[in-house]
N, C-alpha and C. Protein backbone atom coordinates (compact mmCIF):
# COMPACT_ATOMS: atom_id res chain seq x y z
N UNK A 1 -11.89 20.74 -9.30
CA UNK A 1 -11.44 19.61 -8.49
C UNK A 1 -11.97 19.79 -7.07
N UNK A 2 -12.49 18.70 -6.50
CA UNK A 2 -13.02 18.77 -5.14
C UNK A 2 -12.10 17.96 -4.19
N UNK A 3 -12.50 17.92 -2.93
CA UNK A 3 -11.67 17.23 -1.92
C UNK A 3 -11.44 15.76 -2.28
N UNK A 4 -12.47 15.10 -2.75
CA UNK A 4 -12.32 13.69 -3.10
C UNK A 4 -11.32 13.50 -4.24
N UNK A 5 -11.34 14.40 -5.20
CA UNK A 5 -10.39 14.31 -6.31
C UNK A 5 -8.95 14.46 -5.82
N UNK A 6 -8.73 15.38 -4.88
CA UNK A 6 -7.40 15.59 -4.33
C UNK A 6 -6.96 14.37 -3.53
N UNK A 7 -7.85 13.81 -2.74
CA UNK A 7 -7.52 12.61 -1.96
C UNK A 7 -7.16 11.48 -2.91
N UNK A 8 -7.98 11.27 -3.92
CA UNK A 8 -7.74 10.19 -4.89
C UNK A 8 -6.38 10.38 -5.56
N UNK A 9 -6.09 11.58 -6.00
CA UNK A 9 -4.81 11.83 -6.67
C UNK A 9 -3.65 11.57 -5.72
N UNK A 10 -3.77 11.99 -4.47
CA UNK A 10 -2.72 11.76 -3.48
C UNK A 10 -2.51 10.26 -3.28
N UNK A 11 -3.59 9.52 -3.14
CA UNK A 11 -3.49 8.07 -2.96
C UNK A 11 -2.82 7.43 -4.17
N UNK A 12 -3.24 7.79 -5.35
CA UNK A 12 -2.68 7.19 -6.56
C UNK A 12 -1.20 7.51 -6.72
N UNK A 13 -0.80 8.75 -6.42
CA UNK A 13 0.62 9.10 -6.50
C UNK A 13 1.45 8.34 -5.46
N UNK A 14 0.93 8.23 -4.26
CA UNK A 14 1.63 7.47 -3.21
C UNK A 14 1.76 6.00 -3.59
N UNK A 15 0.72 5.46 -4.23
CA UNK A 15 0.77 4.06 -4.66
C UNK A 15 1.87 3.84 -5.70
N UNK A 16 2.09 4.81 -6.58
CA UNK A 16 3.15 4.68 -7.58
C UNK A 16 4.52 4.59 -6.91
N UNK A 17 4.73 5.40 -5.90
CA UNK A 17 6.01 5.38 -5.18
C UNK A 17 6.20 4.06 -4.46
N UNK A 18 5.16 3.60 -3.76
CA UNK A 18 5.25 2.33 -3.04
C UNK A 18 5.50 1.18 -4.01
N UNK A 19 4.82 1.18 -5.15
CA UNK A 19 5.00 0.12 -6.14
C UNK A 19 6.44 0.10 -6.66
N UNK A 20 7.03 1.27 -6.84
CA UNK A 20 8.41 1.33 -7.31
C UNK A 20 9.36 0.72 -6.28
N UNK A 21 9.16 1.03 -5.02
CA UNK A 21 10.02 0.48 -3.98
C UNK A 21 9.91 -1.04 -3.90
N UNK A 22 8.72 -1.57 -4.12
CA UNK A 22 8.48 -3.01 -3.96
C UNK A 22 8.73 -3.79 -5.24
N UNK A 23 8.69 -3.12 -6.38
CA UNK A 23 8.65 -3.76 -7.68
C UNK A 23 9.61 -4.91 -7.93
N UNK A 24 10.89 -4.72 -7.65
CA UNK A 24 11.88 -5.74 -8.01
C UNK A 24 12.35 -6.57 -6.81
N UNK A 25 11.73 -6.39 -5.67
CA UNK A 25 12.14 -7.18 -4.50
C UNK A 25 11.56 -8.59 -4.58
N UNK A 26 12.31 -9.55 -4.08
CA UNK A 26 11.87 -10.95 -4.06
C UNK A 26 11.17 -11.26 -2.74
N UNK A 27 10.54 -12.41 -2.70
CA UNK A 27 9.91 -12.87 -1.44
C UNK A 27 10.94 -12.93 -0.32
N UNK A 28 12.12 -13.42 -0.64
CA UNK A 28 13.18 -13.54 0.38
C UNK A 28 13.62 -12.17 0.87
N UNK A 29 13.72 -11.22 -0.04
CA UNK A 29 14.16 -9.88 0.35
C UNK A 29 13.12 -9.15 1.19
N UNK A 30 11.87 -9.55 1.09
CA UNK A 30 10.83 -8.94 1.94
C UNK A 30 11.05 -9.28 3.41
N UNK A 31 11.86 -10.30 3.68
CA UNK A 31 12.11 -10.73 5.06
C UNK A 31 13.42 -10.19 5.62
N UNK A 32 14.11 -9.37 4.85
CA UNK A 32 15.37 -8.78 5.32
C UNK A 32 15.06 -7.60 6.24
N UNK A 33 15.74 -7.57 7.38
CA UNK A 33 15.62 -6.44 8.30
C UNK A 33 16.80 -5.50 8.03
N UNK A 34 16.53 -4.23 7.73
CA UNK A 34 17.63 -3.33 7.40
C UNK A 34 18.59 -3.11 8.56
N UNK A 35 18.09 -3.11 9.77
CA UNK A 35 18.91 -3.03 10.98
C UNK A 35 18.22 -3.87 12.05
N UNK A 36 18.98 -4.35 13.02
CA UNK A 36 18.34 -5.12 14.10
C UNK A 36 17.22 -4.32 14.76
N UNK A 37 16.13 -5.00 15.01
CA UNK A 37 15.00 -4.37 15.69
C UNK A 37 14.02 -3.67 14.76
N UNK A 38 14.37 -3.55 13.49
CA UNK A 38 13.42 -2.94 12.55
C UNK A 38 12.48 -4.04 12.03
N UNK A 39 11.40 -3.62 11.43
CA UNK A 39 10.44 -4.57 10.88
C UNK A 39 10.79 -4.87 9.42
N UNK A 40 10.66 -6.13 9.04
CA UNK A 40 10.89 -6.46 7.64
C UNK A 40 9.66 -6.08 6.81
N UNK A 41 9.88 -5.99 5.52
CA UNK A 41 8.83 -5.49 4.63
C UNK A 41 7.62 -6.41 4.63
N UNK A 42 7.80 -7.71 4.72
CA UNK A 42 6.66 -8.62 4.72
C UNK A 42 5.70 -8.28 5.87
N UNK A 43 6.25 -8.12 7.06
CA UNK A 43 5.39 -7.77 8.18
C UNK A 43 4.73 -6.40 7.94
N UNK A 44 5.51 -5.45 7.44
CA UNK A 44 4.97 -4.11 7.20
C UNK A 44 3.82 -4.14 6.19
N UNK A 45 3.95 -4.93 5.15
CA UNK A 45 2.88 -5.01 4.16
C UNK A 45 1.60 -5.54 4.79
N UNK A 46 1.74 -6.57 5.59
CA UNK A 46 0.57 -7.11 6.28
C UNK A 46 -0.05 -6.09 7.22
N UNK A 47 0.80 -5.37 7.92
CA UNK A 47 0.34 -4.30 8.82
C UNK A 47 -0.42 -3.23 8.03
N UNK A 48 0.13 -2.82 6.90
CA UNK A 48 -0.52 -1.80 6.07
C UNK A 48 -1.88 -2.26 5.57
N UNK A 49 -1.96 -3.49 5.12
CA UNK A 49 -3.21 -4.04 4.61
C UNK A 49 -4.25 -4.11 5.72
N UNK A 50 -3.86 -4.65 6.86
CA UNK A 50 -4.81 -4.78 7.98
C UNK A 50 -5.24 -3.40 8.49
N UNK A 51 -4.31 -2.46 8.53
CA UNK A 51 -4.64 -1.11 9.01
C UNK A 51 -5.62 -0.42 8.07
N UNK A 52 -5.39 -0.51 6.78
CA UNK A 52 -6.30 0.13 5.83
C UNK A 52 -7.69 -0.47 5.93
N UNK A 53 -7.75 -1.78 6.04
CA UNK A 53 -9.04 -2.46 6.19
C UNK A 53 -9.78 -1.94 7.41
N UNK A 54 -9.07 -1.82 8.53
CA UNK A 54 -9.68 -1.38 9.78
C UNK A 54 -10.06 0.09 9.73
N UNK A 55 -9.16 0.94 9.27
CA UNK A 55 -9.41 2.39 9.27
C UNK A 55 -10.61 2.76 8.40
N UNK A 56 -10.59 2.31 7.17
CA UNK A 56 -11.67 2.67 6.26
C UNK A 56 -12.96 1.94 6.65
N UNK A 57 -12.84 0.72 7.11
CA UNK A 57 -14.01 -0.01 7.59
C UNK A 57 -14.68 0.67 8.77
N UNK A 58 -13.92 1.43 9.54
CA UNK A 58 -14.47 2.13 10.69
C UNK A 58 -15.33 3.32 10.26
N UNK A 59 -14.90 4.05 9.23
CA UNK A 59 -15.68 5.22 8.80
C UNK A 59 -16.66 4.90 7.68
N UNK A 60 -16.48 3.76 7.04
CA UNK A 60 -17.39 3.33 5.97
C UNK A 60 -17.70 1.85 6.20
N UNK A 61 -18.50 1.56 7.23
CA UNK A 61 -18.77 0.16 7.58
C UNK A 61 -19.29 -0.66 6.39
N UNK A 62 -18.76 -1.87 6.28
CA UNK A 62 -19.18 -2.78 5.23
C UNK A 62 -18.53 -2.52 3.88
N UNK A 63 -17.63 -1.56 3.81
CA UNK A 63 -17.05 -1.19 2.52
C UNK A 63 -15.80 -1.99 2.15
N UNK A 64 -15.16 -2.61 3.13
CA UNK A 64 -13.87 -3.25 2.88
C UNK A 64 -14.02 -4.77 2.74
N UNK A 65 -13.24 -5.36 1.81
CA UNK A 65 -13.30 -6.82 1.66
C UNK A 65 -12.73 -7.51 2.89
N UNK A 66 -13.28 -8.65 3.17
CA UNK A 66 -12.80 -9.43 4.32
C UNK A 66 -11.37 -9.90 4.05
N UNK A 67 -10.55 -9.79 5.06
CA UNK A 67 -9.19 -10.29 4.98
C UNK A 67 -9.19 -11.80 5.24
N UNK A 68 -8.16 -12.51 4.78
CA UNK A 68 -8.08 -13.94 5.10
C UNK A 68 -8.12 -14.16 6.62
N UNK A 69 -8.68 -15.27 7.02
CA UNK A 69 -8.77 -15.58 8.44
C UNK A 69 -7.41 -15.48 9.12
N UNK A 70 -7.35 -14.75 10.23
CA UNK A 70 -6.14 -14.61 11.02
C UNK A 70 -5.11 -13.65 10.45
N UNK A 71 -5.41 -13.00 9.33
CA UNK A 71 -4.42 -12.13 8.68
C UNK A 71 -3.99 -10.99 9.59
N UNK A 72 -4.92 -10.25 10.15
CA UNK A 72 -4.57 -9.10 11.00
C UNK A 72 -3.74 -9.57 12.20
N UNK A 73 -4.10 -10.68 12.78
CA UNK A 73 -3.37 -11.20 13.94
C UNK A 73 -1.94 -11.61 13.55
N UNK A 74 -1.75 -12.13 12.33
CA UNK A 74 -0.42 -12.54 11.86
C UNK A 74 0.49 -11.33 11.65
N UNK A 75 -0.10 -10.14 11.60
CA UNK A 75 0.67 -8.92 11.33
C UNK A 75 0.47 -7.88 12.44
N UNK A 76 0.33 -8.37 13.65
CA UNK A 76 0.14 -7.49 14.80
C UNK A 76 1.50 -7.14 15.40
N UNK A 77 1.50 -6.24 16.36
CA UNK A 77 2.75 -5.87 17.03
C UNK A 77 3.44 -7.08 17.64
N UNK A 78 2.64 -8.02 18.09
CA UNK A 78 3.19 -9.21 18.75
C UNK A 78 3.95 -10.12 17.79
N UNK A 79 3.72 -10.00 16.50
CA UNK A 79 4.37 -10.88 15.53
C UNK A 79 5.50 -10.20 14.76
N UNK A 80 5.77 -8.95 15.07
CA UNK A 80 6.75 -8.17 14.30
C UNK A 80 8.16 -8.76 14.35
N UNK A 81 8.50 -9.51 15.37
CA UNK A 81 9.85 -10.05 15.50
C UNK A 81 10.03 -11.41 14.81
N UNK A 82 8.97 -11.96 14.26
CA UNK A 82 9.05 -13.28 13.62
C UNK A 82 9.77 -13.17 12.28
N UNK A 83 10.67 -14.13 12.02
CA UNK A 83 11.41 -14.16 10.76
C UNK A 83 11.10 -15.39 9.91
N UNK A 84 10.31 -16.30 10.41
CA UNK A 84 9.99 -17.53 9.69
C UNK A 84 9.20 -17.21 8.43
N UNK A 85 9.73 -17.53 7.25
CA UNK A 85 9.02 -17.23 6.00
C UNK A 85 7.63 -17.86 5.93
N UNK A 86 7.45 -19.00 6.61
CA UNK A 86 6.15 -19.68 6.58
C UNK A 86 5.06 -18.89 7.31
N UNK A 87 5.47 -17.93 8.13
CA UNK A 87 4.51 -17.13 8.89
C UNK A 87 3.96 -15.96 8.06
N UNK A 88 4.50 -15.78 6.86
CA UNK A 88 4.12 -14.63 6.06
C UNK A 88 3.68 -15.04 4.66
N UNK A 89 3.07 -14.10 3.98
CA UNK A 89 2.59 -14.32 2.62
C UNK A 89 3.71 -14.10 1.62
N UNK A 90 3.45 -14.45 0.38
CA UNK A 90 4.38 -14.12 -0.69
C UNK A 90 4.14 -12.67 -1.10
N UNK A 91 5.10 -12.13 -1.82
CA UNK A 91 4.94 -10.77 -2.33
C UNK A 91 3.68 -10.67 -3.19
N UNK A 92 3.46 -11.63 -4.06
CA UNK A 92 2.26 -11.59 -4.92
C UNK A 92 0.98 -11.59 -4.09
N UNK A 93 0.96 -12.38 -3.03
CA UNK A 93 -0.23 -12.41 -2.17
C UNK A 93 -0.44 -11.06 -1.49
N UNK A 94 0.63 -10.46 -0.99
CA UNK A 94 0.50 -9.13 -0.37
C UNK A 94 0.03 -8.10 -1.39
N UNK A 95 0.62 -8.10 -2.57
CA UNK A 95 0.24 -7.11 -3.57
C UNK A 95 -1.21 -7.28 -4.01
N UNK A 96 -1.67 -8.50 -4.10
CA UNK A 96 -3.08 -8.76 -4.45
C UNK A 96 -4.01 -8.20 -3.36
N UNK A 97 -3.67 -8.48 -2.12
CA UNK A 97 -4.50 -7.98 -1.01
C UNK A 97 -4.45 -6.45 -0.93
N UNK A 98 -3.28 -5.88 -1.17
CA UNK A 98 -3.17 -4.41 -1.15
C UNK A 98 -4.05 -3.81 -2.24
N UNK A 99 -4.02 -4.40 -3.41
CA UNK A 99 -4.82 -3.90 -4.54
C UNK A 99 -6.32 -3.99 -4.22
N UNK A 100 -6.73 -5.09 -3.62
CA UNK A 100 -8.15 -5.27 -3.25
C UNK A 100 -8.57 -4.23 -2.21
N UNK A 101 -7.72 -4.04 -1.20
CA UNK A 101 -8.06 -3.06 -0.16
C UNK A 101 -8.10 -1.66 -0.75
N UNK A 102 -7.12 -1.34 -1.59
CA UNK A 102 -7.06 0.01 -2.16
C UNK A 102 -8.27 0.28 -3.05
N UNK A 103 -8.68 -0.70 -3.85
CA UNK A 103 -9.86 -0.53 -4.69
C UNK A 103 -11.09 -0.27 -3.83
N UNK A 104 -11.19 -0.98 -2.72
CA UNK A 104 -12.33 -0.78 -1.81
C UNK A 104 -12.26 0.59 -1.14
N UNK A 105 -11.06 1.03 -0.78
CA UNK A 105 -10.90 2.36 -0.19
C UNK A 105 -11.35 3.43 -1.16
N UNK A 106 -10.94 3.33 -2.41
CA UNK A 106 -11.32 4.32 -3.41
C UNK A 106 -12.82 4.27 -3.70
N UNK A 107 -13.40 3.08 -3.69
CA UNK A 107 -14.85 2.96 -3.88
C UNK A 107 -15.59 3.58 -2.69
N UNK A 108 -15.07 3.35 -1.47
CA UNK A 108 -15.68 3.95 -0.28
C UNK A 108 -15.57 5.47 -0.34
N UNK A 109 -14.44 5.98 -0.81
CA UNK A 109 -14.26 7.42 -0.97
C UNK A 109 -15.29 7.97 -1.95
N UNK A 110 -15.49 7.29 -3.05
CA UNK A 110 -16.46 7.74 -4.05
C UNK A 110 -17.86 7.85 -3.46
N UNK A 111 -18.22 6.91 -2.61
CA UNK A 111 -19.57 6.87 -2.03
C UNK A 111 -19.71 7.77 -0.79
N UNK A 112 -18.59 8.14 -0.20
CA UNK A 112 -18.61 8.90 1.05
C UNK A 112 -19.12 10.31 0.76
N UNK A 113 -20.13 10.78 1.50
CA UNK A 113 -20.64 12.14 1.25
C UNK A 113 -19.54 13.19 1.48
N UNK A 114 -19.38 14.06 0.52
CA UNK A 114 -18.34 15.10 0.58
C UNK A 114 -18.42 15.87 1.90
N UNK A 115 -19.63 16.22 2.30
CA UNK A 115 -19.80 17.01 3.53
C UNK A 115 -19.34 16.24 4.77
N UNK A 116 -19.39 14.92 4.72
CA UNK A 116 -19.00 14.10 5.88
C UNK A 116 -17.48 13.99 6.04
N UNK A 117 -16.73 14.36 5.03
CA UNK A 117 -15.28 14.31 5.14
C UNK A 117 -14.78 15.22 6.25
N UNK A 118 -15.44 16.34 6.46
CA UNK A 118 -15.01 17.30 7.49
C UNK A 118 -15.61 17.03 8.87
N UNK A 119 -16.45 16.02 8.96
CA UNK A 119 -17.02 15.67 10.27
C UNK A 119 -15.96 15.00 11.13
N UNK A 120 -16.13 15.08 12.45
CA UNK A 120 -15.17 14.43 13.34
C UNK A 120 -15.02 12.95 13.03
N UNK A 121 -13.78 12.49 13.06
CA UNK A 121 -13.53 11.07 12.84
C UNK A 121 -13.88 10.27 14.08
N UNK A 122 -13.72 8.95 14.00
CA UNK A 122 -14.02 8.11 15.16
C UNK A 122 -13.18 8.54 16.38
N UNK A 123 -13.79 8.49 17.51
CA UNK A 123 -13.17 8.95 18.76
C UNK A 123 -11.79 8.32 18.99
N UNK A 124 -11.65 7.03 18.71
CA UNK A 124 -10.38 6.36 19.02
C UNK A 124 -9.21 6.86 18.17
N UNK A 125 -9.48 7.55 17.07
CA UNK A 125 -8.42 8.09 16.22
C UNK A 125 -8.30 9.60 16.29
N UNK A 126 -9.24 10.24 16.93
CA UNK A 126 -9.39 11.69 16.82
C UNK A 126 -8.20 12.50 17.32
N UNK A 127 -7.42 11.99 18.25
CA UNK A 127 -6.29 12.78 18.75
C UNK A 127 -5.24 13.01 17.66
N UNK A 128 -5.09 12.05 16.74
CA UNK A 128 -4.15 12.20 15.64
C UNK A 128 -4.84 12.56 14.32
N UNK A 129 -6.02 12.04 14.13
CA UNK A 129 -6.75 12.19 12.87
C UNK A 129 -8.15 12.70 13.19
N UNK A 130 -8.28 14.02 13.35
CA UNK A 130 -9.51 14.58 13.89
C UNK A 130 -10.75 14.46 13.00
N UNK A 131 -10.56 14.38 11.68
CA UNK A 131 -11.73 14.34 10.79
C UNK A 131 -11.68 13.09 9.91
N UNK A 132 -12.84 12.75 9.35
CA UNK A 132 -12.91 11.59 8.46
C UNK A 132 -11.93 11.71 7.29
N UNK A 133 -11.77 12.90 6.77
CA UNK A 133 -10.84 13.10 5.65
C UNK A 133 -9.44 12.64 6.02
N UNK A 134 -9.06 12.82 7.27
CA UNK A 134 -7.72 12.44 7.72
C UNK A 134 -7.49 10.93 7.61
N UNK A 135 -8.54 10.14 7.79
CA UNK A 135 -8.38 8.68 7.70
C UNK A 135 -8.21 8.25 6.24
N UNK A 136 -8.91 8.90 5.33
CA UNK A 136 -8.68 8.60 3.92
C UNK A 136 -7.26 8.99 3.51
N UNK A 137 -6.82 10.16 3.97
CA UNK A 137 -5.46 10.59 3.65
C UNK A 137 -4.42 9.67 4.28
N UNK A 138 -4.68 9.20 5.49
CA UNK A 138 -3.77 8.26 6.14
C UNK A 138 -3.69 6.96 5.36
N UNK A 139 -4.82 6.46 4.91
CA UNK A 139 -4.81 5.20 4.14
C UNK A 139 -3.89 5.34 2.93
N UNK A 140 -3.91 6.50 2.32
CA UNK A 140 -3.07 6.72 1.14
C UNK A 140 -1.61 6.97 1.45
N UNK A 141 -1.32 7.61 2.56
CA UNK A 141 0.06 7.98 2.87
C UNK A 141 0.77 6.97 3.79
N UNK A 142 0.04 6.09 4.40
CA UNK A 142 0.63 5.15 5.36
C UNK A 142 1.80 4.35 4.75
N UNK A 143 1.68 3.84 3.52
CA UNK A 143 2.83 3.12 2.97
C UNK A 143 4.09 3.98 2.88
N UNK A 144 3.92 5.26 2.63
CA UNK A 144 5.10 6.13 2.53
C UNK A 144 5.76 6.32 3.89
N UNK A 145 5.00 6.18 4.97
CA UNK A 145 5.59 6.26 6.31
C UNK A 145 6.59 5.12 6.51
N UNK A 146 6.33 4.00 5.85
CA UNK A 146 7.20 2.83 5.98
C UNK A 146 8.28 2.78 4.91
N UNK A 147 8.14 3.56 3.87
CA UNK A 147 9.03 3.43 2.72
C UNK A 147 10.48 3.81 3.03
N UNK A 148 10.73 4.57 4.06
CA UNK A 148 12.11 4.85 4.45
C UNK A 148 12.85 3.57 4.78
N UNK A 149 12.18 2.66 5.50
CA UNK A 149 12.80 1.36 5.79
C UNK A 149 12.93 0.55 4.51
N UNK A 150 11.98 0.68 3.60
CA UNK A 150 12.06 -0.07 2.34
C UNK A 150 13.27 0.39 1.54
N UNK A 151 13.51 1.70 1.53
CA UNK A 151 14.66 2.24 0.79
C UNK A 151 15.96 1.69 1.37
N UNK A 152 16.05 1.62 2.69
CA UNK A 152 17.26 1.10 3.33
C UNK A 152 17.39 -0.40 3.07
N UNK A 153 16.30 -1.12 3.13
CA UNK A 153 16.34 -2.55 2.83
C UNK A 153 16.82 -2.77 1.39
N UNK A 154 16.31 -1.97 0.48
CA UNK A 154 16.71 -2.08 -0.92
C UNK A 154 18.23 -1.91 -1.05
N UNK A 155 18.78 -0.94 -0.36
CA UNK A 155 20.23 -0.73 -0.41
C UNK A 155 20.97 -1.92 0.20
N UNK A 156 20.44 -2.44 1.28
CA UNK A 156 21.09 -3.57 1.96
C UNK A 156 21.16 -4.79 1.05
N UNK A 157 20.14 -5.00 0.21
CA UNK A 157 20.12 -6.18 -0.66
C UNK A 157 20.74 -5.89 -2.03
N UNK A 158 21.36 -4.70 -2.18
CA UNK A 158 22.11 -4.41 -3.38
C UNK A 158 21.38 -3.63 -4.47
N UNK A 159 20.19 -3.12 -4.18
CA UNK A 159 19.46 -2.31 -5.18
C UNK A 159 19.96 -0.88 -5.15
N UNK A 160 19.92 -0.24 -6.29
CA UNK A 160 20.29 1.17 -6.38
C UNK A 160 19.14 2.04 -5.91
N UNK A 161 19.43 3.26 -5.47
CA UNK A 161 18.35 4.16 -5.06
C UNK A 161 17.40 4.44 -6.22
N UNK A 162 16.15 4.61 -5.90
CA UNK A 162 15.14 4.92 -6.92
C UNK A 162 14.87 6.41 -7.03
N UNK A 163 14.89 7.07 -5.91
CA UNK A 163 14.49 8.48 -5.91
C UNK A 163 15.58 9.33 -5.25
């Protein structure tokens, strides 16, 4: 097993956990805020999709599918407080976009030279993610950074704990 195999396995395992958290939630429940001031899942999904597109597109230019026009802007820090359902996608739309981005990330990983994984990452990310490998790992683990809020949202809407 090489570095790419480990990254791929980590991404795939993290995706299983994220899918479990999202699996039975409705479009309406994606807009529930677990506590005042927290981000609802709909916004978080858009943020995750836009971030993965940008991160992997930075280290593997041209590898990521184009997002719908205005998508990243609709899920920016400035829009995190919006609760209007019309401002967000449906769960199915988010899951479709996540799947497309993830497939492109894994394809970019496959094509990425193994030796380049240990090279310094882009300067703008280097203080937190010093090497290219760190950005691939971040793309895979980023949803789990948000899943704590998803678990609390699930409890708030009456779902039982999963894990």
